[in-house]
PDB file of N, CA and C in Angstrom:
ATOM      1  N   MET A   1      11.291 -10.972  22.888  1.00  0.00           N
ATOM      2  CA  MET A   1      11.119 -12.094  22.011  1.00  0.00           C
ATOM      3  C   MET A   1       9.734 -12.038  21.349  1.00  0.00           C
ATOM      4  N   ARG A   2       8.762 -11.542  22.084  1.00  0.00           N
ATOM      5  CA  ARG A   2       7.422 -11.441  21.521  1.00  0.00           C
ATOM      6  C   ARG A   2       7.377 -10.419  20.384  1.00  0.00           C
ATOM      7  N   LEU A   3       8.112  -9.319  20.530  1.00  0.00           N
ATOM      8  CA  LEU A   3       8.124  -8.295  19.490  1.00  0.00           C
ATOM      9  C   LEU A   3       8.720  -8.842  18.196  1.00  0.00           C
ATOM     10  N   VAL A   4       9.802  -9.588  18.305  1.00  0.00           N
ATOM     11  CA  VAL A   4      10.417 -10.201  17.123  1.00  0.00           C
ATOM     12  C   VAL A   4       9.444 -11.185  16.480  1.00  0.00           C
ATOM     13  N   GLY A   5       8.730 -11.931  17.292  1.00  0.00           N
ATOM     14  CA  GLY A   5       7.740 -12.865  16.776  1.00  0.00           C
ATOM     15  C   GLY A   5       6.620 -12.163  16.032  1.00  0.00           C
ATOM     16  N   ILE A   6       6.141 -11.069  16.574  1.00  0.00           N
ATOM     17  CA  ILE A   6       5.080 -10.303  15.909  1.00  0.00           C
ATOM     18  C   ILE A   6       5.582  -9.733  14.586  1.00  0.00           C
ATOM     19  N   LEU A   7       6.817  -9.232  14.574  1.00  0.00           N
ATOM     20  CA  LEU A   7       7.390  -8.705  13.329  1.00  0.00           C
ATOM     21  C   LEU A   7       7.555  -9.805  12.278  1.00  0.00           C
ATOM     22  N   LEU A   8       7.940 -11.001  12.708  1.00  0.00           N
ATOM     23  CA  LEU A   8       8.064 -12.120  11.769  1.00  0.00           C
ATOM     24  C   LEU A   8       6.704 -12.514  11.197  1.00  0.00           C
ATOM     25  N   ILE A   9       5.683 -12.497  12.035  1.00  0.00           N
ATOM     26  CA  ILE A   9       4.336 -12.831  11.557  1.00  0.00           C
ATOM     27  C   ILE A   9       3.882 -11.807  10.520  1.00  0.00           C
ATOM     28  N   VAL A  10       4.072 -10.532  10.817  1.00  0.00           N
ATOM     29  CA  VAL A  10       3.658  -9.481   9.880  1.00  0.00           C
ATOM     30  C   VAL A  10       4.441  -9.580   8.575  1.00  0.00           C
ATOM     31  N   ALA A  11       5.751  -9.807   8.666  1.00  0.00           N
ATOM     32  CA  ALA A  11       6.572  -9.939   7.457  1.00  0.00           C
ATOM     33  C   ALA A  11       6.178 -11.180   6.664  1.00  0.00           C
ATOM     34  N   GLY A  12       5.847 -12.273   7.349  1.00  0.00           N
ATOM     35  CA  GLY A  12       5.420 -13.488   6.668  1.00  0.00           C
ATOM     36  C   GLY A  12       4.100 -13.300   5.937  1.00  0.00           C
ATOM     37  N   ILE A  13       3.151 -12.618   6.580  1.00  0.00           N
ATOM     38  CA  ILE A  13       1.867 -12.341   5.933  1.00  0.00           C
ATOM     39  C   ILE A  13       2.072 -11.451   4.710  1.00  0.00           C
ATOM     40  N   ALA A  14       2.909 -10.432   4.846  1.00  0.00           N
ATOM     41  CA  ALA A  14       3.184  -9.541   3.713  1.00  0.00           C
ATOM     42  C   ALA A  14       3.861 -10.306   2.576  1.00  0.00           C
ATOM     43  N   GLY A  15       4.758 -11.231   2.910  1.00  0.00           N
ATOM     44  CA  GLY A  15       5.431 -12.023   1.896  1.00  0.00           C
ATOM     45  C   GLY A  15       4.477 -12.939   1.147  1.00  0.00           C
ATOM     46  N   VAL A  16       3.505 -13.501   1.870  1.00  0.00           N
ATOM     47  CA  VAL A  16       2.531 -14.380   1.220  1.00  0.00           C
ATOM     48  C   VAL A  16       1.582 -13.569   0.342  1.00  0.00           C
ATOM     49  N   ILE A  17       1.162 -12.400   0.821  1.00  0.00           N
ATOM     50  CA  ILE A  17       0.201 -11.587   0.068  1.00  0.00           C
ATOM     51  C   ILE A  17       0.847 -10.960  -1.168  1.00  0.00           C
ATOM     52  N   TYR A  18       1.992 -10.317  -1.003  1.00  0.00           N
ATOM     53  CA  TYR A  18       2.600  -9.576  -2.110  1.00  0.00           C
ATOM     54  C   TYR A  18       3.501 -10.439  -2.989  1.00  0.00           C
ATOM     55  N   GLY A  19       4.132 -11.457  -2.452  1.00  0.00           N
ATOM     56  CA  GLY A  19       4.962 -12.355  -3.250  1.00  0.00           C
ATOM     57  C   GLY A  19       6.299 -11.789  -3.675  1.00  0.00           C
ATOM     58  N   GLY A  20       6.691 -10.658  -3.171  1.00  0.00           N
ATOM     59  CA  GLY A  20       7.973 -10.065  -3.515  1.00  0.00           C
ATOM     60  C   GLY A  20       7.915  -8.553  -3.463  1.00  0.00           C
ATOM     61  N   PHE A  21       9.000  -7.926  -3.872  1.00  0.00           N
ATOM     62  CA  PHE A  21       9.037  -6.471  -3.910  1.00  0.00           C
ATOM     63  C   PHE A  21       9.841  -6.030  -5.119  1.00  0.00           C
ATOM     64  N   SER A  22       9.649  -4.793  -5.493  1.00  0.00           N
ATOM     65  CA  SER A  22      10.364  -4.261  -6.646  1.00  0.00           C
ATOM     66  C   SER A  22      10.974  -2.913  -6.285  1.00  0.00           C
ATOM     67  N   PHE A  23      12.032  -2.570  -7.013  1.00  0.00           N
ATOM     68  CA  PHE A  23      12.677  -1.280  -6.809  1.00  0.00           C
ATOM     69  C   PHE A  23      13.246  -0.794  -8.134  1.00  0.00           C
ATOM     70  N   THR A  24      13.564   0.479  -8.185  1.00  0.00           N
ATOM     71  CA  THR A  24      14.073   1.114  -9.390  1.00  0.00           C
ATOM     72  C   THR A  24      15.468   1.659  -9.115  1.00  0.00           C
ATOM     73  N   SER A  25      16.380   1.433 -10.059  1.00  0.00           N
ATOM     74  CA  SER A  25      17.724   1.990  -9.928  1.00  0.00           C
ATOM     75  C   SER A  25      18.011   2.873 -11.139  1.00  0.00           C
ATOM     76  N   HIS A  26      18.789   3.914 -10.903  1.00  0.00           N
ATOM     77  CA  HIS A  26      19.167   4.858 -11.954  1.00  0.00           C
ATOM     78  C   HIS A  26      20.673   4.742 -12.177  1.00  0.00           C
ATOM     79  N   LYS A  27      21.061   4.551 -13.443  1.00  0.00           N
ATOM     80  CA  LYS A  27      22.476   4.457 -13.786  1.00  0.00           C
ATOM     81  C   LYS A  27      22.788   5.473 -14.875  1.00  0.00           C
ATOM     82  N   LYS A  28      24.014   5.964 -14.847  1.00  0.00           N
ATOM     83  CA  LYS A  28      24.464   6.888 -15.882  1.00  0.00           C
ATOM     84  C   LYS A  28      24.965   6.064 -17.064  1.00  0.00           C
ATOM     85  N   ALA A  29      24.313   6.193 -18.219  1.00  0.00           N
ATOM     86  CA  ALA A  29      24.690   5.424 -19.405  1.00  0.00           C
ATOM     87  C   ALA A  29      25.776   6.151 -20.195  1.00  0.00           C
ATOM     88  N   VAL A  30      25.619   7.460 -20.375  1.00  0.00           N
ATOM     89  CA  VAL A  30      26.588   8.250 -21.134  1.00  0.00           C
ATOM     90  C   VAL A  30      26.874   9.535 -20.371  1.00  0.00           C
ATOM     91  N   ASP A  31      28.147   9.860 -20.241  1.00  0.00           N
ATOM     92  CA  ASP A  31      28.541  11.110 -19.599  1.00  0.00           C
ATOM     93  C   ASP A  31      29.651  11.732 -20.439  1.00  0.00           C
ATOM     94  N   MET A  32      29.263  12.609 -21.389  1.00  0.00           N
ATOM     95  CA  MET A  32      30.228  13.272 -22.265  1.00  0.00           C
ATOM     96  C   MET A  32      30.116  14.775 -22.042  1.00  0.00           C
ATOM     97  N   GLY A  33      30.748  15.245 -21.004  1.00  0.00           N
ATOM     98  CA  GLY A  33      30.712  16.676 -20.709  1.00  0.00           C
ATOM     99  C   GLY A  33      29.305  17.128 -20.367  1.00  0.00           C
ATOM    100  N   PRO A  34      28.757  18.056 -21.162  1.00  0.00           N
ATOM    101  CA  PRO A  34      27.422  18.563 -20.847  1.00  0.00           C
ATOM    102  C   PRO A  34      26.296  17.595 -21.240  1.00  0.00           C
ATOM    103  N   ILE A  35      26.629  16.543 -21.990  1.00  0.00           N
ATOM    104  CA  ILE A  35      25.611  15.571 -22.405  1.00  0.00           C
ATOM    105  C   ILE A  35      25.639  14.386 -21.449  1.00  0.00           C
ATOM    106  N   GLN A  36      24.510  14.139 -20.801  1.00  0.00           N
ATOM    107  CA  GLN A  36      24.385  13.010 -19.886  1.00  0.00           C
ATOM    108  C   GLN A  36      23.105  12.249 -20.204  1.00  0.00           C
ATOM    109  N   ILE A  37      23.216  10.939 -20.249  1.00  0.00           N
ATOM    110  CA  ILE A  37      22.051  10.087 -20.483  1.00  0.00           C
ATOM    111  C   ILE A  37      21.948   9.118 -19.312  1.00  0.00           C
ATOM    112  N   ASP A  38      20.797   9.125 -18.675  1.00  0.00           N
ATOM    113  CA  ASP A  38      20.555   8.221 -17.556  1.00  0.00           C
ATOM    114  C   ASP A  38      19.690   7.055 -18.003  1.00  0.00           C
ATOM    115  N   LYS A  39      19.916   5.919 -17.378  1.00  0.00           N
ATOM    116  CA  LYS A  39      19.147   4.717 -17.678  1.00  0.00           C
ATOM    117  C   LYS A  39      18.427   4.275 -16.405  1.00  0.00           C
ATOM    118  N   THR A  40      17.134   4.039 -16.513  1.00  0.00           N
ATOM    119  CA  THR A  40      16.331   3.596 -15.378  1.00  0.00           C
ATOM    120  C   THR A  40      16.033   2.116 -15.545  1.00  0.00           C
ATOM    121  N   GLU A  41      16.332   1.337 -14.506  1.00  0.00           N
ATOM    122  CA  GLU A  41      16.075  -0.097 -14.532  1.00  0.00           C
ATOM    123  C   GLU A  41      15.115  -0.459 -13.405  1.00  0.00           C
ATOM    124  N   HIS A  42      14.134  -1.280 -13.722  1.00  0.00           N
ATOM    125  CA  HIS A  42      13.182  -1.772 -12.734  1.00  0.00           C
ATOM    126  C   HIS A  42      13.574  -3.213 -12.386  1.00  0.00           C
ATOM    127  N   HIS A  43      13.728  -3.484 -11.100  1.00  0.00           N
ATOM    128  CA  HIS A  43      14.117  -4.805 -10.617  1.00  0.00           C
ATOM    129  C   HIS A  43      12.987  -5.379  -9.770  1.00  0.00           C
ATOM    130  N   THR A  44      12.763  -6.678  -9.895  1.00  0.00           N
ATOM    131  CA  THR A  44      11.767  -7.369  -9.078  1.00  0.00           C
ATOM    132  C   THR A  44      12.443  -8.518  -8.353  1.00  0.00           C
ATOM    133  N   VAL A  45      12.222  -8.594  -7.039  1.00  0.00           N
ATOM    134  CA  VAL A  45      12.776  -9.669  -6.226  1.00  0.00           C
ATOM    135  C   VAL A  45      11.609 -10.527  -5.735  1.00  0.00           C
ATOM    136  N   PRO A  46      11.458 -11.735  -6.282  1.00  0.00           N
ATOM    137  CA  PRO A  46      10.353 -12.587  -5.848  1.00  0.00           C
ATOM    138  C   PRO A  46      10.660 -13.250  -4.496  1.00  0.00           C
ATOM    139  N   ILE A  47       9.628 -13.412  -3.695  1.00  0.00           N
ATOM    140  CA  ILE A  47       9.746 -14.120  -2.417  1.00  0.00           C
ATOM    141  C   ILE A  47       8.845 -15.349  -2.497  1.00  0.00           C
ATOM    142  N   PRO A  48       9.430 -16.545  -2.363  1.00  0.00           N
ATOM    143  CA  PRO A  48       8.603 -17.745  -2.426  1.00  0.00           C
ATOM    144  C   PRO A  48       7.590 -17.774  -1.270  1.00  0.00           C
ATOM    145  N   PRO A  49       6.378 -18.239  -1.537  1.00  0.00           N
ATOM    146  CA  PRO A  49       5.362 -18.283  -0.479  1.00  0.00           C
ATOM    147  C   PRO A  49       5.771 -19.144   0.716  1.00  0.00           C
ATOM    148  N   ILE A  50       6.608 -20.152   0.487  1.00  0.00           N
ATOM    149  CA  ILE A  50       7.027 -21.009   1.595  1.00  0.00           C
ATOM    150  C   ILE A  50       7.825 -20.220   2.629  1.00  0.00           C
ATOM    151  N   LEU A  51       8.585 -19.208   2.195  1.00  0.00           N
ATOM    152  CA  LEU A  51       9.320 -18.381   3.157  1.00  0.00           C
ATOM    153  C   LEU A  51       8.368 -17.564   4.019  1.00  0.00           C
ATOM    154  N   GLY A  52       7.276 -17.087   3.421  1.00  0.00           N
ATOM    155  CA  GLY A  52       6.266 -16.373   4.197  1.00  0.00           C
ATOM    156  C   GLY A  52       5.625 -17.266   5.235  1.00  0.00           C
ATOM    157  N   VAL A  53       5.324 -18.506   4.855  1.00  0.00           N
ATOM    158  CA  VAL A  53       4.714 -19.454   5.788  1.00  0.00           C
ATOM    159  C   VAL A  53       5.692 -19.804   6.906  1.00  0.00           C
ATOM    160  N   ILE A  54       6.959 -19.979   6.569  1.00  0.00           N
ATOM    161  CA  ILE A  54       7.973 -20.270   7.589  1.00  0.00           C
ATOM    162  C   ILE A  54       8.094 -19.094   8.555  1.00  0.00           C
ATOM    163  N   GLY A  55       8.031 -17.857   8.046  1.00  0.00           N
ATOM    164  CA  GLY A  55       8.078 -16.677   8.913  1.00  0.00           C
ATOM    165  C   GLY A  55       6.884 -16.611   9.850  1.00  0.00           C
ATOM    166  N   ILE A  56       5.706 -16.950   9.345  1.00  0.00           N
ATOM    167  CA  ILE A  56       4.506 -16.938  10.184  1.00  0.00           C
ATOM    168  C   ILE A  56       4.616 -17.990  11.285  1.00  0.00           C
ATOM    169  N   VAL A  57       5.059 -19.193  10.929  1.00  0.00           N
ATOM    170  CA  VAL A  57       5.180 -20.266  11.926  1.00  0.00           C
ATOM    171  C   VAL A  57       6.261 -19.934  12.959  1.00  0.00           C
ATOM    172  N   ALA A  58       7.407 -19.442  12.501  1.00  0.00           N
ATOM    173  CA  ALA A  58       8.491 -19.090  13.428  1.00  0.00           C
ATOM    174  C   ALA A  58       8.069 -17.942  14.339  1.00  0.00           C
ATOM    175  N   GLY A  59       7.373 -16.951  13.782  1.00  0.00           N
ATOM    176  CA  GLY A  59       6.882 -15.840  14.607  1.00  0.00           C
ATOM    177  C   GLY A  59       5.870 -16.302  15.629  1.00  0.00           C
ATOM    178  N   GLY A  60       4.976 -17.199  15.232  1.00  0.00           N
ATOM    179  CA  GLY A  60       4.008 -17.755  16.186  1.00  0.00           C
ATOM    180  C   GLY A  60       4.694 -18.506  17.303  1.00  0.00           C
ATOM    181  N   ALA A  61       5.742 -19.256  16.968  1.00  0.00           N
ATOM    182  CA  ALA A  61       6.488 -19.987  17.998  1.00  0.00           C
ATOM    183  C   ALA A  61       7.172 -19.017  18.962  1.00  0.00           C
ATOM    184  N   LEU A  62       7.743 -17.936  18.440  1.00  0.00           N
ATOM    185  CA  LEU A  62       8.395 -16.955  19.316  1.00  0.00           C
ATOM    186  C   LEU A  62       7.386 -16.248  20.218  1.00  0.00           C
ATOM    187  N   VAL A  63       6.220 -15.926  19.690  1.00  0.00           N
ATOM    188  CA  VAL A  63       5.185 -15.286  20.511  1.00  0.00           C
ATOM    189  C   VAL A  63       4.719 -16.244  21.589  1.00  0.00           C
ATOM    190  N   TYR A  64       4.518 -17.515  21.235  1.00  0.00           N
ATOM    191  CA  TYR A  64       4.080 -18.510  22.202  1.00  0.00           C
ATOM    192  C   TYR A  64       5.118 -18.712  23.295  1.00  0.00           C
ATOM    193  N   LEU A  65       6.383 -18.877  22.905  1.00  0.00           N
ATOM    194  CA  LEU A  65       7.450 -19.069  23.887  1.00  0.00           C
ATOM    195  C   LEU A  65       7.670 -17.830  24.739  1.00  0.00           C
ATOM    196  N   GLY A  66       7.491 -16.654  24.155  1.00  0.00           N
ATOM    197  CA  GLY A  66       7.633 -15.418  24.930  1.00  0.00           C
ATOM    198  C   GLY A  66       6.532 -15.277  25.952  1.00  0.00           C
ATOM    199  N   ALA A  67       5.309 -15.663  25.598  1.00  0.00           N
ATOM    200  CA  ALA A  67       4.200 -15.596  26.544  1.00  0.00           C
ATOM    201  C   ALA A  67       4.328 -16.663  27.615  1.00  0.00           C
ATOM    202  N   LYS A  68       4.820 -17.827  27.252  1.00  0.00           N
ATOM    203  CA  LYS A  68       4.984 -18.919  28.207  1.00  0.00           C
ATOM    204  C   LYS A  68       6.099 -18.614  29.204  1.00  0.00           C
ATOM    205  N   GLY A  69       7.172 -17.965  28.731  1.00  0.00           N
ATOM    206  CA  GLY A  69       8.307 -17.655  29.591  1.00  0.00           C
ATOM    207  C   GLY A  69       8.044 -16.526  30.570  1.00  0.00           C
ATOM    208  N   SER A  70       7.068 -15.670  30.284  1.00  0.00           N
ATOM    209  CA  SER A  70       6.813 -14.532  31.174  1.00  0.00           C
ATOM    210  C   SER A  70       5.910 -14.882  32.342  1.00  0.00           C
ATOM    211  N   ARG A  71       5.399 -16.094  32.369  1.00  0.00           N
ATOM    212  CA  ARG A  71       4.523 -16.509  33.482  1.00  0.00           C
ATOM    213  C   ARG A  71       5.304 -16.941  34.666  1.00  0.00           C
TER     214      ARG A  71
END
């Protein structure tokens, strides 16, 4: 449970700092025998800062409960 909490804290901090992530996809636009045209699209997925804060708080709670339960 502590490991999951630590991962949530790290993911929450990354979400607050970066605010999202982006990726690139490649699609085939035209395919006429030997002639091929590819299209590259850039996508951005925003992450609201409140989700990062919720991840940090939930991760802290899991770390606290994991440490309390092991005593």
